[in-house]
Amino acid sequence: MAQILLQESMCWFASLRRRSNSRLSPSISSKGQNKDPDFLNLHLLEFVPVIQDGDYTLFESRAIIRYYAEKYKSQGTDLLGKSIEERGAVEQWLEVEAQNYHPAIYTLAMEILFARKKGTPSDAKAIEESEKKLGKVLGIYEERLSKSKYLAGDFFSLADLSHLPLTKYLADMGKMYLIEERKHVKAWWNDISNRPSWKNVSSSRWPVLE
């Protein structure tokens, strides 16, 4: 589980890091925690990721990507939207991802990929329930994406970027049909996963699940 968390965090960070000189603290124990006193001074909950940007310290993945998107919005793609209405839409779909999409796909990754790597039994019921939940969310996405190119509108944003790390694993899980059987979701995924910045990140050497 720790390595999946670290991979996801590092991917989000790397997608935005080209704009900054900040430092990511990725060191974790086998339980996803870091007991080093210096690390605990940065993140009292003991989990990755944590960034240090000068004298400023921030933890939690979504807080970090919001921070960098805001700080560097004048450089490259504006990932937050150009108006308060667009920003509202970005935040809305970020919440959908965090509260609905992420829990379902994360459970699938844990029960299929992590269990396989560890040689431990998978929870078939959890897999079935999570796949149903993910399918329901993707059905909502299909409807939304039939009306706009991206989730928050006709512009690429954090709402799309936040889906990249774990969705990448659907092929490894044998679940890519959940994307491919939905015309507009498939087009959206092909678009965002083929962006040069993401291809550069995803083709690099990621931590091994062990």
C-alpha atoms as a PDB file:
ATOM      1  CA  MET A   1       0.000   0.000   0.000  1.00  0.00           C
ATOM      2  CA  ALA A   2       2.812   2.395   0.844  1.00  0.00           C
ATOM      3  CA  GLN A   3       4.330   2.150  -2.603  1.00  0.00           C
ATOM      4  CA  ILE A   4       0.999   2.785  -4.331  1.00  0.00           C
ATOM      5  CA  LEU A   5       0.532   5.886  -2.191  1.00  0.00           C
ATOM      6  CA  LEU A   6       4.046   7.041  -2.976  1.00  0.00           C
ATOM      7  CA  GLN A   7       3.694   6.437  -6.714  1.00  0.00           C
ATOM      8  CA  GLU A   8       0.470   8.393  -6.847  1.00  0.00           C
ATOM      9  CA  SER A   9       1.893  11.281  -4.844  1.00  0.00           C
ATOM     10  CA  MET A  10       5.098  11.422  -6.855  1.00  0.00           C
ATOM     11  CA  CYS A  11       3.174  11.428 -10.138  1.00  0.00           C
ATOM     12  CA  TRP A  12       1.012  14.341  -9.100  1.00  0.00           C
ATOM     13  CA  PHE A  13       4.049  16.195  -7.828  1.00  0.00           C
ATOM     14  CA  ALA A  14       6.141  15.452 -10.932  1.00  0.00           C
ATOM     15  CA  SER A  15       3.346  16.659 -13.206  1.00  0.00           C
ATOM     16  CA  LEU A  16       3.667  20.113 -11.635  1.00  0.00           C
ATOM     17  CA  ARG A  17       7.264  20.130 -10.435  1.00  0.00           C
ATOM     18  CA  ARG A  18       8.695  21.337 -13.746  1.00  0.00           C
ATOM     19  CA  ARG A  19       7.475  24.779 -12.672  1.00  0.00           C
ATOM     20  CA  SER A  20       9.154  24.835  -9.272  1.00  0.00           C
ATOM     21  CA  ASN A  21      12.338  24.250  -7.346  1.00  0.00           C
ATOM     22  CA  SER A  22      10.594  22.730  -4.353  1.00  0.00           C
ATOM     23  CA  ARG A  23      11.531  19.524  -2.613  1.00  0.00           C
ATOM     24  CA  LEU A  24       9.386  16.438  -2.205  1.00  0.00           C
ATOM     25  CA  SER A  25       9.963  14.246   0.833  1.00  0.00           C
ATOM     26  CA  PRO A  26       9.167  10.694  -0.376  1.00  0.00           C
ATOM     27  CA  SER A  27      10.815   8.586   2.327  1.00  0.00           C
ATOM     28  CA  ILE A  28       8.388   6.121   3.929  1.00  0.00           C
ATOM     29  CA  SER A  29       8.389   2.939   5.924  1.00  0.00           C
ATOM     30  CA  SER A  30       6.698  -0.311   4.906  1.00  0.00           C
ATOM     31  CA  LYS A  31       3.476   0.998   6.462  1.00  0.00           C
ATOM     32  CA  GLY A  32       3.540   4.227   4.506  1.00  0.00           C
ATOM     33  CA  GLN A  33       4.831   6.139   7.484  1.00  0.00           C
ATOM     34  CA  ASN A  34       8.031   7.906   8.289  1.00  0.00           C
ATOM     35  CA  LYS A  35       9.135   7.979  11.926  1.00  0.00           C
ATOM     36  CA  ASP A  36      12.186  10.123  11.315  1.00  0.00           C
ATOM     37  CA  PRO A  37      12.010  13.139  13.677  1.00  0.00           C
ATOM     38  CA  ASP A  38      12.920  15.562  10.896  1.00  0.00           C
ATOM     39  CA  PHE A  39      10.045  14.265   8.789  1.00  0.00           C
ATOM     40  CA  LEU A  40       7.611  14.391  11.701  1.00  0.00           C
ATOM     41  CA  ASN A  41       8.428  18.063  12.100  1.00  0.00           C
ATOM     42  CA  LEU A  42       7.021  18.507   8.595  1.00  0.00           C
ATOM     43  CA  HIS A  43       4.052  16.143   8.685  1.00  0.00           C
ATOM     44  CA  LEU A  44       2.581  15.205  12.063  1.00  0.00           C
ATOM     45  CA  LEU A  45       0.379  12.493  10.519  1.00  0.00           C
ATOM     46  CA  GLU A  46       3.545  10.731   9.292  1.00  0.00           C
ATOM     47  CA  PHE A  47       2.363  10.089   5.733  1.00  0.00           C
ATOM     48  CA  VAL A  48       3.748  11.247   2.379  1.00  0.00           C
ATOM     49  CA  PRO A  49       3.815  13.496   0.496  1.00  0.00           C
ATOM     50  CA  VAL A  50       5.276  16.632   2.031  1.00  0.00           C
ATOM     51  CA  ILE A  51       6.823  19.503   0.076  1.00  0.00           C
ATOM     52  CA  GLN A  52       9.093  22.289   1.161  1.00  0.00           C
ATOM     53  CA  ASP A  53       8.979  25.439  -0.941  1.00  0.00           C
ATOM     54  CA  GLY A  54      11.509  27.743   0.647  1.00  0.00           C
ATOM     55  CA  ASP A  55      10.340  28.205   4.239  1.00  0.00           C
ATOM     56  CA  TYR A  56       6.851  26.975   3.406  1.00  0.00           C
ATOM     57  CA  THR A  57       5.859  23.388   4.197  1.00  0.00           C
ATOM     58  CA  LEU A  58       2.718  21.685   2.950  1.00  0.00           C
ATOM     59  CA  PHE A  59       1.368  18.142   3.095  1.00  0.00           C
ATOM     60  CA  GLU A  60      -1.506  16.189   1.466  1.00  0.00           C
ATOM     61  CA  SER A  61      -1.555  15.538  -2.276  1.00  0.00           C
ATOM     62  CA  ARG A  62      -4.521  17.629  -3.328  1.00  0.00           C
ATOM     63  CA  ALA A  63      -3.451  20.578  -1.222  1.00  0.00           C
ATOM     64  CA  ILE A  64      -0.039  20.409  -2.883  1.00  0.00           C
ATOM     65  CA  ILE A  65      -1.331  20.318  -6.452  1.00  0.00           C
ATOM     66  CA  ARG A  66      -3.736  23.192  -5.733  1.00  0.00           C
ATOM     67  CA  TYR A  67      -0.876  25.189  -4.248  1.00  0.00           C
ATOM     68  CA  TYR A  68       1.408  24.713  -7.247  1.00  0.00           C
ATOM     69  CA  ALA A  69      -1.356  25.297  -9.758  1.00  0.00           C
ATOM     70  CA  GLU A  70      -2.153  28.615  -8.092  1.00  0.00           C
ATOM     71  CA  LYS A  71       1.444  29.687  -7.611  1.00  0.00           C
ATOM     72  CA  TYR A  72       2.509  28.949 -11.182  1.00  0.00           C
ATOM     73  CA  LYS A  73      -0.746  29.568 -13.047  1.00  0.00           C
ATOM     74  CA  SER A  74       0.961  32.233 -15.192  1.00  0.00           C
ATOM     75  CA  GLN A  75       3.445  29.635 -16.461  1.00  0.00           C
ATOM     76  CA  GLY A  76       2.177  27.115 -18.976  1.00  0.00           C
ATOM     77  CA  THR A  77      -1.350  25.736 -18.672  1.00  0.00           C
ATOM     78  CA  ASP A  78      -3.684  27.429 -16.191  1.00  0.00           C
ATOM     79  CA  LEU A  79      -5.022  24.406 -14.344  1.00  0.00           C
ATOM     80  CA  LEU A  80      -7.528  26.267 -12.173  1.00  0.00           C
ATOM     81  CA  GLY A  81      -9.690  28.088 -14.715  1.00  0.00           C
ATOM     82  CA  LYS A  82      -9.733  31.697 -15.795  1.00  0.00           C
ATOM     83  CA  SER A  83     -12.904  32.812 -14.014  1.00  0.00           C
ATOM     84  CA  ILE A  84     -14.547  32.192 -10.676  1.00  0.00           C
ATOM     85  CA  GLU A  85     -17.125  30.028 -12.454  1.00  0.00           C
ATOM     86  CA  GLU A  86     -14.432  27.900 -14.062  1.00  0.00           C
ATOM     87  CA  ARG A  87     -12.613  27.620 -10.744  1.00  0.00           C
ATOM     88  CA  GLY A  88     -15.843  26.466  -9.147  1.00  0.00           C
ATOM     89  CA  ALA A  89     -16.241  23.766 -11.791  1.00  0.00           C
ATOM     90  CA  VAL A  90     -12.636  22.614 -11.270  1.00  0.00           C
ATOM     91  CA  GLU A  91     -13.170  22.361  -7.519  1.00  0.00           C
ATOM     92  CA  GLN A  92     -16.468  20.539  -8.023  1.00  0.00           C
ATOM     93  CA  TRP A  93     -14.908  17.794 -10.151  1.00  0.00           C
ATOM     94  CA  LEU A  94     -11.857  17.578  -7.913  1.00  0.00           C
ATOM     95  CA  GLU A  95     -14.273  16.733  -5.115  1.00  0.00           C
ATOM     96  CA  VAL A  96     -16.007  14.132  -7.258  1.00  0.00           C
ATOM     97  CA  GLU A  97     -12.625  12.546  -7.950  1.00  0.00           C
ATOM     98  CA  ALA A  98     -11.577  12.629  -4.295  1.00  0.00           C
ATOM     99  CA  GLN A  99     -14.841  11.407  -2.789  1.00  0.00           C
ATOM    100  CA  ASN A 100     -16.143   8.998  -5.433  1.00  0.00           C
ATOM    101  CA  TYR A 101     -13.642   8.049  -8.131  1.00  0.00           C
ATOM    102  CA  HIS A 102     -10.484   7.707  -6.075  1.00  0.00           C
ATOM    103  CA  PRO A 103     -11.842   5.445  -3.289  1.00  0.00           C
ATOM    104  CA  ALA A 104     -13.214   2.935  -5.801  1.00  0.00           C
ATOM    105  CA  ILE A 105     -10.174   2.728  -8.067  1.00  0.00           C
ATOM    106  CA  TYR A 106      -7.795   2.774  -5.101  1.00  0.00           C
ATOM    107  CA  THR A 107      -9.542  -0.232  -3.564  1.00  0.00           C
ATOM    108  CA  LEU A 108      -9.266  -2.073  -6.878  1.00  0.00           C
ATOM    109  CA  ALA A 109      -5.547  -1.319  -7.052  1.00  0.00           C
ATOM    110  CA  MET A 110      -5.048  -2.509  -3.497  1.00  0.00           C
ATOM    111  CA  GLU A 111      -7.071  -5.697  -3.863  1.00  0.00           C
ATOM    112  CA  ILE A 112      -5.715  -6.664  -7.277  1.00  0.00           C
ATOM    113  CA  LEU A 113      -2.228  -5.225  -7.791  1.00  0.00           C
ATOM    114  CA  PHE A 114      -1.025  -4.955  -4.223  1.00  0.00           C
ATOM    115  CA  ALA A 115      -2.450  -8.337  -3.204  1.00  0.00           C
ATOM    116  CA  ARG A 116      -0.888  -9.954  -6.280  1.00  0.00           C
ATOM    117  CA  LYS A 117       2.490  -8.422  -5.504  1.00  0.00           C
ATOM    118  CA  LYS A 118       2.301  -9.517  -1.888  1.00  0.00           C
ATOM    119  CA  GLY A 119       0.926 -12.953  -2.693  1.00  0.00           C
ATOM    120  CA  THR A 120      -2.046 -12.415  -0.374  1.00  0.00           C
ATOM    121  CA  PRO A 121      -5.711 -13.253  -1.083  1.00  0.00           C
ATOM    122  CA  SER A 122      -7.872 -10.583  -2.666  1.00  0.00           C
ATOM    123  CA  ASP A 123     -11.255  -9.623  -1.300  1.00  0.00           C
ATOM    124  CA  ALA A 124     -13.580 -10.625  -4.146  1.00  0.00           C
ATOM    125  CA  LYS A 125     -16.538  -8.784  -2.625  1.00  0.00           C
ATOM    126  CA  ALA A 126     -14.541  -5.561  -2.282  1.00  0.00           C
ATOM    127  CA  ILE A 127     -13.423  -5.859  -5.906  1.00  0.00           C
ATOM    128  CA  GLU A 128     -16.960  -6.404  -7.133  1.00  0.00           C
ATOM    129  CA  GLU A 129     -18.395  -3.538  -5.096  1.00  0.00           C
ATOM    130  CA  SER A 130     -15.610  -1.149  -6.060  1.00  0.00           C
ATOM    131  CA  GLU A 131     -15.959  -1.979  -9.742  1.00  0.00           C
ATOM    132  CA  LYS A 132     -19.686  -1.221  -9.540  1.00  0.00           C
ATOM    133  CA  LYS A 133     -18.991   2.075  -7.787  1.00  0.00           C
ATOM    134  CA  LEU A 134     -16.341   2.995 -10.343  1.00  0.00           C
ATOM    135  CA  GLY A 135     -18.685   2.098 -13.190  1.00  0.00           C
ATOM    136  CA  LYS A 136     -21.361   4.339 -11.716  1.00  0.00           C
ATOM    137  CA  VAL A 137     -18.965   7.275 -11.473  1.00  0.00           C
ATOM    138  CA  LEU A 138     -17.733   6.685 -15.013  1.00  0.00           C
ATOM    139  CA  GLY A 139     -21.334   6.693 -16.177  1.00  0.00           C
ATOM    140  CA  ILE A 140     -21.667  10.187 -14.716  1.00  0.00           C
ATOM    141  CA  TYR A 141     -18.400  11.146 -16.423  1.00  0.00           C
ATOM    142  CA  GLU A 142     -19.711   9.814 -19.741  1.00  0.00           C
ATOM    143  CA  GLU A 143     -22.722  12.093 -19.496  1.00  0.00           C
ATOM    144  CA  ARG A 144     -20.599  15.073 -18.501  1.00  0.00           C
ATOM    145  CA  LEU A 145     -17.994  14.487 -21.208  1.00  0.00           C
ATOM    146  CA  SER A 146     -20.673  14.246 -23.871  1.00  0.00           C
ATOM    147  CA  LYS A 147     -21.168  17.973 -23.254  1.00  0.00           C
ATOM    148  CA  SER A 148     -17.608  19.209 -22.687  1.00  0.00           C
ATOM    149  CA  LYS A 149     -14.132  18.085 -23.709  1.00  0.00           C
ATOM    150  CA  TYR A 150     -12.855  17.956 -20.130  1.00  0.00           C
ATOM    151  CA  LEU A 151     -14.545  17.537 -16.769  1.00  0.00           C
ATOM    152  CA  ALA A 152     -14.599  21.198 -15.745  1.00  0.00           C
ATOM    153  CA  GLY A 153     -15.323  22.486 -19.251  1.00  0.00           C
ATOM    154  CA  ASP A 154     -13.459  22.829 -22.513  1.00  0.00           C
ATOM    155  CA  PHE A 155     -10.095  23.318 -20.802  1.00  0.00           C
ATOM    156  CA  PHE A 156      -7.652  20.870 -19.200  1.00  0.00           C
ATOM    157  CA  SER A 157      -7.466  21.363 -15.447  1.00  0.00           C
ATOM    158  CA  LEU A 158      -6.522  19.836 -12.108  1.00  0.00           C
ATOM    159  CA  ALA A 159      -9.854  18.031 -12.233  1.00  0.00           C
ATOM    160  CA  ASP A 160      -8.500  15.962 -15.139  1.00  0.00           C
ATOM    161  CA  LEU A 161      -4.909  15.741 -13.935  1.00  0.00           C
ATOM    162  CA  SER A 162      -5.945  14.236 -10.610  1.00  0.00           C
ATOM    163  CA  HIS A 163      -7.277  11.145 -12.398  1.00  0.00           C
ATOM    164  CA  LEU A 164      -4.015  10.251 -14.114  1.00  0.00           C
ATOM    165  CA  PRO A 165      -1.963   8.314 -11.519  1.00  0.00           C
ATOM    166  CA  LEU A 166      -4.343   5.531 -10.518  1.00  0.00           C
ATOM    167  CA  THR A 167      -6.259   5.275 -13.801  1.00  0.00           C
ATOM    168  CA  LYS A 168      -2.951   4.306 -15.376  1.00  0.00           C
ATOM    169  CA  TYR A 169      -3.223   1.001 -13.497  1.00  0.00           C
ATOM    170  CA  LEU A 170      -6.550  -0.092 -14.970  1.00  0.00           C
ATOM    171  CA  ALA A 171      -4.778  -1.889 -17.808  1.00  0.00           C
ATOM    172  CA  ASP A 172      -2.603  -3.769 -15.315  1.00  0.00           C
ATOM    173  CA  MET A 173      -5.756  -4.762 -13.450  1.00  0.00           C
ATOM    174  CA  GLY A 174      -7.496  -5.999 -16.596  1.00  0.00           C
ATOM    175  CA  LYS A 175     -10.184  -3.345 -16.086  1.00  0.00           C
ATOM    176  CA  MET A 176      -9.477  -0.997 -18.972  1.00  0.00           C
ATOM    177  CA  TYR A 177     -12.820  -1.930 -20.505  1.00  0.00           C
ATOM    178  CA  LEU A 178     -14.419   0.341 -17.905  1.00  0.00           C
ATOM    179  CA  ILE A 179     -12.877   3.235 -19.835  1.00  0.00           C
ATOM    180  CA  GLU A 180     -13.041   1.840 -23.356  1.00  0.00           C
ATOM    181  CA  GLU A 181     -16.712   0.900 -23.327  1.00  0.00           C
ATOM    182  CA  ARG A 182     -17.671   4.535 -22.774  1.00  0.00           C
ATOM    183  CA  LYS A 183     -17.154   6.614 -25.920  1.00  0.00           C
ATOM    184  CA  HIS A 184     -16.630  10.019 -24.345  1.00  0.00           C
ATOM    185  CA  VAL A 185     -14.672   8.758 -21.330  1.00  0.00           C
ATOM    186  CA  LYS A 186     -12.377   6.875 -23.706  1.00  0.00           C
ATOM    187  CA  ALA A 187     -11.760   9.998 -25.810  1.00  0.00           C
ATOM    188  CA  TRP A 188     -11.089  12.010 -22.646  1.00  0.00           C
ATOM    189  CA  TRP A 189      -8.665   9.434 -21.284  1.00  0.00           C
ATOM    190  CA  ASN A 190      -6.796   9.161 -24.594  1.00  0.00           C
ATOM    191  CA  ASP A 191      -6.471  12.936 -24.607  1.00  0.00           C
ATOM    192  CA  ILE A 192      -5.208  13.490 -21.071  1.00  0.00           C
ATOM    193  CA  SER A 193      -2.989  10.388 -20.926  1.00  0.00           C
ATOM    194  CA  ASN A 194      -1.215  11.366 -24.144  1.00  0.00           C
ATOM    195  CA  ARG A 195      -0.260  14.832 -23.000  1.00  0.00           C
ATOM    196  CA  PRO A 196       3.545  15.189 -23.339  1.00  0.00           C
ATOM    197  CA  SER A 197       4.033  16.155 -19.684  1.00  0.00           C
ATOM    198  CA  TRP A 198       2.192  13.054 -18.458  1.00  0.00           C
ATOM    199  CA  LYS A 199       3.912  10.722 -20.936  1.00  0.00           C
ATOM    200  CA  ASN A 200       7.236  12.021 -19.666  1.00  0.00           C
ATOM    201  CA  VAL A 201       6.240  11.330 -16.050  1.00  0.00           C
ATOM    202  CA  SER A 202       4.622   7.948 -16.617  1.00  0.00           C
ATOM    203  CA  SER A 203       7.490   6.623 -18.731  1.00  0.00           C
ATOM    204  CA  SER A 204      10.024   7.293 -15.973  1.00  0.00           C
ATOM    205  CA  ARG A 205      11.036   4.652 -13.442  1.00  0.00           C
ATOM    206  CA  TRP A 206       8.384   4.429 -10.735  1.00  0.00           C
ATOM    207  CA  PRO A 207       8.811   2.842  -7.301  1.00  0.00           C
ATOM    208  CA  VAL A 208       8.220  -0.911  -7.327  1.00  0.00           C
ATOM    209  CA  LEU A 209       5.213  -2.328  -5.530  1.00  0.00           C
ATOM    210  CA  GLU A 210       6.837  -4.391  -2.828  1.00  0.00           C
END
